[in-house]
Amino acid sequence: TETVVQGYANGILVIFKIQQKNHIHFRKTGSRFHSPSLIYPVKKLDFFKSQISSIFLCEESNIMLVGSYKQQKIFILNKLKPITILTPPKKNGHFTSLDISYNDRLFCTGNSTGILQIWSIKSGNSILFFRNHVKEITNILFLKKTSRFVLSCSIDGIVHLFDLKKLA
């Protein structure tokens, strides 16, 4: 990747670019190698106003998810402009975890009441939810190379594997 994104506790998000130096150096053996990369800031965003807890970049598009668990908001940014801000309803607990699918079309959230929700990145709408956990979900993960399976675990040590195609 050519981009590094860093979020700070004061809500500032900084985007860095990685620039490769074009200089070629020679060793005594005569082999060539490129000199180290340079990282420099290109954009600073400070509209979050709260601690940034998680950041996910969509590889195929210009969409980024920024989660603030303290503020209980998930920002969906398109070309670095917020297009959707999600906040959980008070009765459904609060967000505890977030992950994005391999194909960059879906993301999932886990919450404090044990609900796993699947969301559309494009619309920002919840499209599916599971109430299989009894306690707070501590971590969720889309399995690598697929957007079909989601693995979740809760604070009581229970692990579930969800098949989004079979809704099981």
N, C-alpha and C. Protein backbone atom coordinates (compact mmCIF):
# COMPACT_ATOMS: atom_id res chain seq x y z
N THR A 1 0.83 -1.18 0.00
CA THR A 1 0.00 0.00 0.00
C THR A 1 0.87 1.24 0.00
N GLU A 2 0.34 2.33 -0.44
CA GLU A 2 1.07 3.60 -0.49
C GLU A 2 0.59 4.58 0.57
N THR A 3 -0.35 4.16 1.41
CA THR A 3 -0.95 5.05 2.38
C THR A 3 -0.86 4.47 3.79
N VAL A 4 -0.58 5.33 4.75
CA VAL A 4 -0.61 4.97 6.16
C VAL A 4 -1.58 5.95 6.84
N VAL A 5 -2.50 5.42 7.66
CA VAL A 5 -3.47 6.25 8.34
C VAL A 5 -3.28 6.07 9.84
N GLN A 6 -3.25 7.20 10.55
CA GLN A 6 -3.07 7.14 12.00
C GLN A 6 -4.14 7.98 12.67
N GLY A 7 -4.81 7.39 13.66
CA GLY A 7 -5.83 8.09 14.43
C GLY A 7 -5.33 8.36 15.83
N TYR A 8 -5.71 9.50 16.38
CA TYR A 8 -5.23 9.93 17.70
C TYR A 8 -6.37 10.01 18.69
N ALA A 9 -6.03 10.01 19.97
CA ALA A 9 -7.02 10.06 21.04
C ALA A 9 -7.81 11.36 21.05
N ASN A 10 -7.28 12.42 20.45
CA ASN A 10 -8.00 13.70 20.42
C ASN A 10 -8.89 13.83 19.18
N GLY A 11 -9.05 12.75 18.40
CA GLY A 11 -9.96 12.76 17.26
C GLY A 11 -9.33 13.19 15.95
N ILE A 12 -8.04 13.44 15.92
CA ILE A 12 -7.38 13.85 14.69
C ILE A 12 -6.95 12.61 13.91
N LEU A 13 -7.22 12.63 12.61
CA LEU A 13 -6.85 11.55 11.71
C LEU A 13 -5.84 12.13 10.72
N VAL A 14 -4.68 11.49 10.61
CA VAL A 14 -3.65 11.97 9.69
C VAL A 14 -3.37 10.88 8.67
N ILE A 15 -3.33 11.27 7.40
CA ILE A 15 -3.06 10.35 6.31
C ILE A 15 -1.66 10.65 5.78
N PHE A 16 -0.85 9.61 5.73
CA PHE A 16 0.53 9.72 5.27
C PHE A 16 0.67 9.00 3.94
N LYS A 17 1.54 9.49 3.08
CA LYS A 17 1.88 8.82 1.84
C LYS A 17 3.29 8.26 1.97
N ILE A 18 3.50 7.12 1.35
CA ILE A 18 4.83 6.52 1.32
C ILE A 18 5.43 6.83 -0.03
N GLN A 19 6.58 7.49 -0.01
CA GLN A 19 7.24 7.85 -1.26
C GLN A 19 8.54 7.06 -1.35
N GLN A 20 8.69 6.35 -2.44
CA GLN A 20 9.92 5.58 -2.67
C GLN A 20 10.97 6.50 -3.27
N LYS A 21 12.17 6.43 -2.73
CA LYS A 21 13.28 7.16 -3.35
C LYS A 21 13.69 6.40 -4.60
N ASN A 22 14.06 7.12 -5.62
CA ASN A 22 14.44 6.48 -6.87
C ASN A 22 15.93 6.21 -6.97
N HIS A 23 16.68 6.56 -5.95
CA HIS A 23 18.12 6.35 -5.99
C HIS A 23 18.44 4.87 -5.87
N ILE A 24 19.38 4.43 -6.65
CA ILE A 24 19.82 3.04 -6.58
C ILE A 24 21.25 3.03 -6.06
N HIS A 25 21.50 2.22 -5.05
CA HIS A 25 22.82 2.11 -4.45
C HIS A 25 23.44 0.77 -4.81
N PHE A 26 24.74 0.73 -4.82
CA PHE A 26 25.45 -0.51 -5.11
C PHE A 26 26.23 -0.95 -3.88
N ARG A 27 26.18 -2.23 -3.60
CA ARG A 27 27.00 -2.81 -2.54
C ARG A 27 28.32 -3.26 -3.15
N LYS A 28 29.22 -3.75 -2.31
CA LYS A 28 30.50 -4.26 -2.80
C LYS A 28 30.30 -5.45 -3.72
N THR A 29 29.21 -6.19 -3.49
CA THR A 29 28.95 -7.36 -4.32
C THR A 29 28.38 -6.98 -5.68
N GLY A 30 28.00 -5.72 -5.83
CA GLY A 30 27.46 -5.27 -7.10
C GLY A 30 25.96 -5.41 -7.21
N SER A 31 25.27 -5.93 -6.18
CA SER A 31 23.81 -6.06 -6.26
C SER A 31 23.16 -4.71 -6.01
N ARG A 32 22.00 -4.52 -6.55
CA ARG A 32 21.29 -3.24 -6.43
C ARG A 32 20.18 -3.35 -5.42
N PHE A 33 19.85 -2.22 -4.78
CA PHE A 33 18.68 -2.17 -3.91
C PHE A 33 18.21 -0.73 -3.83
N HIS A 34 16.94 -0.56 -3.53
CA HIS A 34 16.37 0.77 -3.40
C HIS A 34 16.59 1.28 -1.99
N SER A 35 16.79 2.56 -1.87
CA SER A 35 16.98 3.15 -0.55
C SER A 35 15.64 3.19 0.18
N PRO A 36 15.64 3.44 1.49
CA PRO A 36 14.40 3.40 2.27
C PRO A 36 13.34 4.39 1.78
N SER A 37 12.11 4.09 2.13
CA SER A 37 10.98 4.94 1.76
C SER A 37 10.88 6.14 2.69
N LEU A 38 10.23 7.18 2.22
CA LEU A 38 9.93 8.34 3.04
C LEU A 38 8.43 8.38 3.31
N ILE A 39 8.05 8.70 4.53
CA ILE A 39 6.64 8.83 4.88
C ILE A 39 6.38 10.29 5.24
N TYR A 40 5.39 10.91 4.59
CA TYR A 40 5.10 12.31 4.87
C TYR A 40 3.58 12.52 4.93
N PRO A 41 3.14 13.42 5.83
CA PRO A 41 1.69 13.66 5.96
C PRO A 41 1.15 14.44 4.77
N VAL A 42 -0.05 14.04 4.30
CA VAL A 42 -0.68 14.73 3.18
C VAL A 42 -2.04 15.31 3.53
N LYS A 43 -2.68 14.79 4.58
CA LYS A 43 -4.02 15.26 4.93
C LYS A 43 -4.23 15.10 6.43
N LYS A 44 -4.87 16.11 7.03
CA LYS A 44 -5.19 16.06 8.45
C LYS A 44 -6.67 16.38 8.60
N LEU A 45 -7.41 15.47 9.25
CA LEU A 45 -8.83 15.66 9.48
C LEU A 45 -9.07 15.75 10.98
N ASP A 46 -9.86 16.72 11.41
CA ASP A 46 -10.11 16.85 12.85
C ASP A 46 -11.58 17.08 13.17
N PHE A 47 -12.48 16.45 12.42
CA PHE A 47 -13.91 16.63 12.68
C PHE A 47 -14.51 15.53 13.55
N PHE A 48 -13.71 14.61 14.08
CA PHE A 48 -14.25 13.50 14.86
C PHE A 48 -14.59 13.90 16.28
N LYS A 49 -13.85 14.84 16.86
CA LYS A 49 -14.14 15.39 18.19
C LYS A 49 -14.16 14.36 19.30
N SER A 50 -13.60 13.18 19.07
CA SER A 50 -13.53 12.16 20.12
C SER A 50 -12.46 11.15 19.77
N GLN A 51 -12.12 10.32 20.71
CA GLN A 51 -11.07 9.33 20.55
C GLN A 51 -11.37 8.38 19.40
N ILE A 52 -10.40 8.17 18.53
CA ILE A 52 -10.53 7.22 17.43
C ILE A 52 -10.08 5.86 17.92
N SER A 53 -10.95 4.85 17.79
CA SER A 53 -10.67 3.52 18.31
C SER A 53 -10.23 2.53 17.24
N SER A 54 -10.75 2.68 16.01
CA SER A 54 -10.40 1.75 14.94
C SER A 54 -10.52 2.43 13.59
N ILE A 55 -9.69 1.97 12.66
CA ILE A 55 -9.67 2.51 11.30
C ILE A 55 -9.58 1.34 10.34
N PHE A 56 -10.42 1.35 9.30
CA PHE A 56 -10.36 0.34 8.26
C PHE A 56 -10.38 1.02 6.91
N LEU A 57 -9.49 0.62 6.03
CA LEU A 57 -9.43 1.14 4.66
C LEU A 57 -9.97 0.10 3.70
N CYS A 58 -10.80 0.52 2.76
CA CYS A 58 -11.26 -0.37 1.69
C CYS A 58 -10.22 -0.30 0.58
N GLU A 59 -9.67 -1.43 0.20
CA GLU A 59 -8.58 -1.45 -0.76
C GLU A 59 -9.00 -1.05 -2.16
N GLU A 60 -10.19 -1.41 -2.59
CA GLU A 60 -10.60 -1.18 -3.97
C GLU A 60 -11.30 0.17 -4.19
N SER A 61 -11.66 0.85 -3.14
CA SER A 61 -12.36 2.12 -3.29
C SER A 61 -11.74 3.16 -2.38
N ASN A 62 -12.28 4.34 -2.39
CA ASN A 62 -11.78 5.42 -1.54
C ASN A 62 -12.56 5.51 -0.25
N ILE A 63 -13.08 4.40 0.24
CA ILE A 63 -13.91 4.42 1.44
C ILE A 63 -13.08 4.00 2.65
N MET A 64 -13.33 4.70 3.77
CA MET A 64 -12.64 4.42 5.01
C MET A 64 -13.67 4.39 6.13
N LEU A 65 -13.53 3.45 7.06
CA LEU A 65 -14.37 3.39 8.25
C LEU A 65 -13.54 3.85 9.43
N VAL A 66 -14.08 4.76 10.23
CA VAL A 66 -13.41 5.24 11.43
C VAL A 66 -14.38 5.03 12.59
N GLY A 67 -13.96 4.26 13.58
CA GLY A 67 -14.81 3.97 14.73
C GLY A 67 -14.35 4.71 15.96
N SER A 68 -15.31 5.25 16.69
CA SER A 68 -15.04 5.88 17.98
C SER A 68 -15.93 5.20 19.00
N TYR A 69 -15.35 4.26 19.77
CA TYR A 69 -16.15 3.52 20.74
C TYR A 69 -16.56 4.41 21.90
N LYS A 70 -15.72 5.39 22.24
CA LYS A 70 -16.05 6.30 23.34
C LYS A 70 -17.26 7.16 22.97
N GLN A 71 -17.28 7.67 21.75
CA GLN A 71 -18.38 8.51 21.28
C GLN A 71 -19.54 7.67 20.74
N GLN A 72 -19.29 6.37 20.50
CA GLN A 72 -20.28 5.45 19.96
C GLN A 72 -20.78 5.88 18.58
N LYS A 73 -19.81 6.13 17.68
CA LYS A 73 -20.14 6.47 16.30
C LYS A 73 -19.19 5.74 15.38
N ILE A 74 -19.69 5.39 14.21
CA ILE A 74 -18.87 4.87 13.14
C ILE A 74 -19.04 5.81 11.96
N PHE A 75 -17.95 6.38 11.50
CA PHE A 75 -17.95 7.30 10.38
C PHE A 75 -17.57 6.53 9.12
N ILE A 76 -18.39 6.65 8.08
CA ILE A 76 -18.05 6.09 6.78
C ILE A 76 -17.62 7.27 5.92
N LEU A 77 -16.35 7.26 5.50
CA LEU A 77 -15.81 8.36 4.71
C LEU A 77 -15.63 7.91 3.28
N ASN A 78 -16.04 8.75 2.34
CA ASN A 78 -15.81 8.51 0.93
C ASN A 78 -14.98 9.67 0.41
N LYS A 79 -13.79 9.37 -0.08
CA LYS A 79 -12.83 10.40 -0.52
C LYS A 79 -12.60 11.41 0.60
N LEU A 80 -12.48 10.88 1.82
CA LEU A 80 -12.16 11.64 3.03
C LEU A 80 -13.26 12.60 3.48
N LYS A 81 -14.47 12.46 2.93
CA LYS A 81 -15.60 13.26 3.38
C LYS A 81 -16.63 12.32 4.01
N PRO A 82 -17.18 12.68 5.19
CA PRO A 82 -18.15 11.78 5.82
C PRO A 82 -19.43 11.69 5.02
N ILE A 83 -19.85 10.46 4.70
CA ILE A 83 -21.11 10.28 3.98
C ILE A 83 -22.17 9.69 4.90
N THR A 84 -21.76 8.93 5.90
CA THR A 84 -22.70 8.31 6.83
C THR A 84 -22.08 8.28 8.21
N ILE A 85 -22.88 8.56 9.22
CA ILE A 85 -22.44 8.42 10.60
C ILE A 85 -23.43 7.52 11.29
N LEU A 86 -22.96 6.39 11.79
CA LEU A 86 -23.83 5.41 12.45
C LEU A 86 -23.71 5.54 13.95
N THR A 87 -24.83 5.53 14.63
CA THR A 87 -24.85 5.48 16.10
C THR A 87 -25.84 4.40 16.50
N PRO A 88 -25.51 3.60 17.49
CA PRO A 88 -26.43 2.53 17.87
C PRO A 88 -27.61 3.07 18.67
N PRO A 89 -28.79 2.46 18.52
CA PRO A 89 -29.92 2.85 19.37
C PRO A 89 -29.59 2.54 20.83
N LYS A 90 -30.06 3.34 21.75
CA LYS A 90 -29.75 3.19 23.18
C LYS A 90 -30.13 1.81 23.71
N LYS A 91 -31.23 1.23 23.24
CA LYS A 91 -31.70 -0.05 23.77
C LYS A 91 -30.84 -1.23 23.30
N ASN A 92 -30.05 -1.05 22.24
CA ASN A 92 -29.25 -2.14 21.69
C ASN A 92 -27.82 -2.17 22.19
N GLY A 93 -27.50 -1.48 23.27
CA GLY A 93 -26.14 -1.48 23.79
C GLY A 93 -25.23 -0.57 22.98
N HIS A 94 -23.93 -0.80 23.10
CA HIS A 94 -22.98 0.04 22.38
C HIS A 94 -22.00 -0.82 21.59
N PHE A 95 -21.39 -0.22 20.55
CA PHE A 95 -20.43 -0.92 19.70
C PHE A 95 -19.21 -1.33 20.52
N THR A 96 -18.75 -2.55 20.32
CA THR A 96 -17.54 -3.03 20.99
C THR A 96 -16.47 -3.49 20.00
N SER A 97 -16.86 -3.79 18.76
CA SER A 97 -15.89 -4.25 17.77
C SER A 97 -16.41 -3.96 16.36
N LEU A 98 -15.47 -3.97 15.41
CA LEU A 98 -15.77 -3.58 14.04
C LEU A 98 -14.79 -4.31 13.11
N ASP A 99 -15.29 -4.79 11.96
CA ASP A 99 -14.41 -5.37 10.95
C ASP A 99 -15.03 -5.16 9.58
N ILE A 100 -14.20 -5.20 8.55
CA ILE A 100 -14.64 -4.97 7.18
C ILE A 100 -14.41 -6.24 6.36
N SER A 101 -15.29 -6.49 5.39
CA SER A 101 -15.20 -7.72 4.60
C SER A 101 -14.07 -7.65 3.59
N TYR A 102 -13.70 -8.81 3.10
CA TYR A 102 -12.61 -8.93 2.13
C TYR A 102 -12.93 -8.19 0.83
N ASN A 103 -14.19 -8.19 0.40
CA ASN A 103 -14.57 -7.54 -0.85
C ASN A 103 -14.92 -6.06 -0.68
N ASP A 104 -14.75 -5.52 0.53
CA ASP A 104 -14.97 -4.10 0.82
C ASP A 104 -16.41 -3.64 0.58
N ARG A 105 -17.38 -4.55 0.64
CA ARG A 105 -18.78 -4.17 0.46
C ARG A 105 -19.56 -4.18 1.76
N LEU A 106 -19.09 -4.95 2.73
CA LEU A 106 -19.80 -5.12 3.99
C LEU A 106 -18.87 -4.80 5.15
N PHE A 107 -19.47 -4.43 6.28
CA PHE A 107 -18.73 -4.42 7.52
C PHE A 107 -19.65 -4.91 8.61
N CYS A 108 -19.06 -5.39 9.68
CA CYS A 108 -19.86 -5.92 10.77
C CYS A 108 -19.46 -5.25 12.07
N THR A 109 -20.42 -5.19 12.97
CA THR A 109 -20.20 -4.63 14.30
C THR A 109 -20.68 -5.63 15.34
N GLY A 110 -19.98 -5.65 16.44
CA GLY A 110 -20.42 -6.41 17.60
C GLY A 110 -20.78 -5.41 18.67
N ASN A 111 -21.70 -5.77 19.56
CA ASN A 111 -22.07 -4.81 20.59
C ASN A 111 -22.10 -5.43 21.97
N SER A 112 -22.41 -4.59 22.95
CA SER A 112 -22.34 -4.99 24.35
C SER A 112 -23.47 -5.93 24.78
N THR A 113 -24.51 -6.05 23.97
CA THR A 113 -25.61 -6.96 24.31
C THR A 113 -25.52 -8.29 23.55
N GLY A 114 -24.43 -8.52 22.80
CA GLY A 114 -24.24 -9.78 22.10
C GLY A 114 -24.82 -9.83 20.70
N ILE A 115 -25.14 -8.68 20.13
CA ILE A 115 -25.71 -8.64 18.78
C ILE A 115 -24.60 -8.38 17.76
N LEU A 116 -24.55 -9.21 16.73
CA LEU A 116 -23.65 -9.03 15.61
C LEU A 116 -24.47 -8.49 14.45
N GLN A 117 -24.08 -7.34 13.90
CA GLN A 117 -24.81 -6.74 12.78
C GLN A 117 -23.93 -6.67 11.55
N ILE A 118 -24.52 -6.93 10.40
CA ILE A 118 -23.86 -6.80 9.11
C ILE A 118 -24.44 -5.57 8.43
N TRP A 119 -23.54 -4.71 7.92
CA TRP A 119 -23.92 -3.43 7.33
C TRP A 119 -23.42 -3.35 5.89
N SER A 120 -24.13 -2.58 5.08
CA SER A 120 -23.68 -2.27 3.72
C SER A 120 -22.83 -1.00 3.78
N ILE A 121 -21.64 -1.06 3.22
CA ILE A 121 -20.79 0.13 3.21
C ILE A 121 -21.39 1.20 2.29
N LYS A 122 -21.94 0.77 1.17
CA LYS A 122 -22.46 1.72 0.19
C LYS A 122 -23.64 2.53 0.74
N SER A 123 -24.56 1.87 1.41
CA SER A 123 -25.76 2.58 1.89
C SER A 123 -25.67 2.98 3.36
N GLY A 124 -24.83 2.30 4.13
CA GLY A 124 -24.75 2.57 5.56
C GLY A 124 -25.90 1.95 6.35
N ASN A 125 -26.67 1.06 5.72
CA ASN A 125 -27.82 0.43 6.38
C ASN A 125 -27.47 -0.95 6.91
N SER A 126 -28.10 -1.32 8.00
CA SER A 126 -27.96 -2.66 8.55
C SER A 126 -28.77 -3.61 7.68
N ILE A 127 -28.15 -4.71 7.24
CA ILE A 127 -28.85 -5.63 6.36
C ILE A 127 -29.12 -6.99 7.01
N LEU A 128 -28.46 -7.25 8.14
CA LEU A 128 -28.61 -8.54 8.79
C LEU A 128 -28.11 -8.44 10.22
N PHE A 129 -28.73 -9.20 11.13
CA PHE A 129 -28.19 -9.25 12.49
C PHE A 129 -28.43 -10.63 13.09
N PHE A 130 -27.54 -10.98 14.02
CA PHE A 130 -27.61 -12.26 14.72
C PHE A 130 -27.61 -11.97 16.22
N ARG A 131 -28.46 -12.68 16.96
CA ARG A 131 -28.53 -12.55 18.42
C ARG A 131 -28.10 -13.85 19.09
N ASN A 132 -26.98 -14.40 18.66
CA ASN A 132 -26.54 -15.70 19.17
C ASN A 132 -25.71 -15.61 20.45
N HIS A 133 -25.11 -14.48 20.73
CA HIS A 133 -24.30 -14.34 21.94
C HIS A 133 -25.18 -13.85 23.09
N VAL A 134 -24.89 -14.34 24.28
CA VAL A 134 -25.62 -13.91 25.48
C VAL A 134 -24.93 -12.72 26.13
N LYS A 135 -23.61 -12.67 26.02
CA LYS A 135 -22.81 -11.59 26.63
C LYS A 135 -22.18 -10.71 25.56
N GLU A 136 -21.46 -9.71 26.00
CA GLU A 136 -20.80 -8.72 25.13
C GLU A 136 -19.85 -9.38 24.14
N ILE A 137 -19.93 -8.96 22.88
CA ILE A 137 -19.01 -9.43 21.84
C ILE A 137 -17.71 -8.64 21.98
N THR A 138 -16.60 -9.37 22.10
CA THR A 138 -15.32 -8.70 22.29
C THR A 138 -14.52 -8.54 21.00
N ASN A 139 -14.76 -9.43 20.03
CA ASN A 139 -14.02 -9.32 18.78
C ASN A 139 -14.79 -10.01 17.67
N ILE A 140 -14.68 -9.46 16.46
CA ILE A 140 -15.30 -10.06 15.27
C ILE A 140 -14.30 -10.00 14.13
N LEU A 141 -14.44 -10.92 13.19
CA LEU A 141 -13.48 -11.01 12.11
C LEU A 141 -14.11 -11.67 10.90
N PHE A 142 -14.04 -11.00 9.74
CA PHE A 142 -14.37 -11.66 8.48
C PHE A 142 -13.19 -12.57 8.16
N LEU A 143 -13.46 -13.82 7.80
CA LEU A 143 -12.36 -14.72 7.47
C LEU A 143 -11.67 -14.25 6.21
N LYS A 144 -10.36 -14.45 6.14
CA LYS A 144 -9.58 -13.99 4.99
C LYS A 144 -10.05 -14.62 3.70
N LYS A 145 -9.93 -13.85 2.64
CA LYS A 145 -10.24 -14.28 1.27
C LYS A 145 -11.72 -14.58 1.04
N THR A 146 -12.58 -14.23 1.98
CA THR A 146 -14.01 -14.46 1.77
C THR A 146 -14.81 -13.38 2.50
N SER A 147 -15.97 -13.12 2.01
CA SER A 147 -16.88 -12.21 2.71
C SER A 147 -18.11 -12.98 3.18
N ARG A 148 -18.00 -14.29 3.19
CA ARG A 148 -19.14 -15.14 3.54
C ARG A 148 -19.18 -15.51 5.01
N PHE A 149 -18.02 -15.68 5.63
CA PHE A 149 -17.97 -16.16 7.01
C PHE A 149 -17.46 -15.08 7.96
N VAL A 150 -18.13 -14.97 9.12
CA VAL A 150 -17.74 -14.04 10.17
C VAL A 150 -17.53 -14.85 11.45
N LEU A 151 -16.42 -14.62 12.09
CA LEU A 151 -16.10 -15.27 13.36
C LEU A 151 -16.26 -14.25 14.47
N SER A 152 -16.93 -14.64 15.55
CA SER A 152 -17.12 -13.71 16.66
C SER A 152 -16.87 -14.42 17.98
N CYS A 153 -16.41 -13.67 18.96
CA CYS A 153 -16.25 -14.24 20.29
C CYS A 153 -16.78 -13.25 21.32
N SER A 154 -17.26 -13.80 22.41
CA SER A 154 -17.85 -12.95 23.45
C SER A 154 -17.04 -13.04 24.72
N ILE A 155 -17.38 -12.18 25.66
CA ILE A 155 -16.62 -12.06 26.90
C ILE A 155 -16.67 -13.33 27.75
N ASP A 156 -17.68 -14.17 27.52
CA ASP A 156 -17.79 -15.43 28.27
C ASP A 156 -17.04 -16.59 27.60
N GLY A 157 -16.27 -16.31 26.53
CA GLY A 157 -15.44 -17.33 25.88
C GLY A 157 -16.13 -18.10 24.78
N ILE A 158 -17.37 -17.78 24.45
CA ILE A 158 -18.10 -18.47 23.38
C ILE A 158 -17.66 -17.90 22.02
N VAL A 159 -17.41 -18.81 21.07
CA VAL A 159 -17.01 -18.43 19.71
C VAL A 159 -18.07 -18.94 18.75
N HIS A 160 -18.50 -18.08 17.82
CA HIS A 160 -19.48 -18.48 16.81
C HIS A 160 -18.91 -18.20 15.43
N LEU A 161 -19.24 -19.07 14.48
CA LEU A 161 -18.90 -18.88 13.08
C LEU A 161 -20.22 -18.69 12.34
N PHE A 162 -20.38 -17.54 11.70
CA PHE A 162 -21.63 -17.23 10.99
C PHE A 162 -21.40 -17.37 9.49
N ASP A 163 -22.34 -18.06 8.83
CA ASP A 163 -22.34 -18.20 7.38
C ASP A 163 -23.37 -17.23 6.83
N LEU A 164 -22.93 -16.18 6.19
CA LEU A 164 -23.86 -15.14 5.72
C LEU A 164 -24.67 -15.60 4.51
N LYS A 165 -24.17 -16.57 3.76
CA LYS A 165 -24.92 -17.07 2.61
C LYS A 165 -26.10 -17.94 3.06
N LYS A 166 -25.87 -18.78 4.06
CA LYS A 166 -26.92 -19.67 4.55
C LYS A 166 -27.70 -19.05 5.72
N LEU A 167 -27.28 -17.87 6.16
CA LEU A 167 -27.90 -17.18 7.29
C LEU A 167 -27.94 -18.08 8.54
N ALA A 168 -26.83 -18.74 8.78
CA ALA A 168 -26.75 -19.68 9.92
C ALA A 168 -25.49 -19.41 10.73
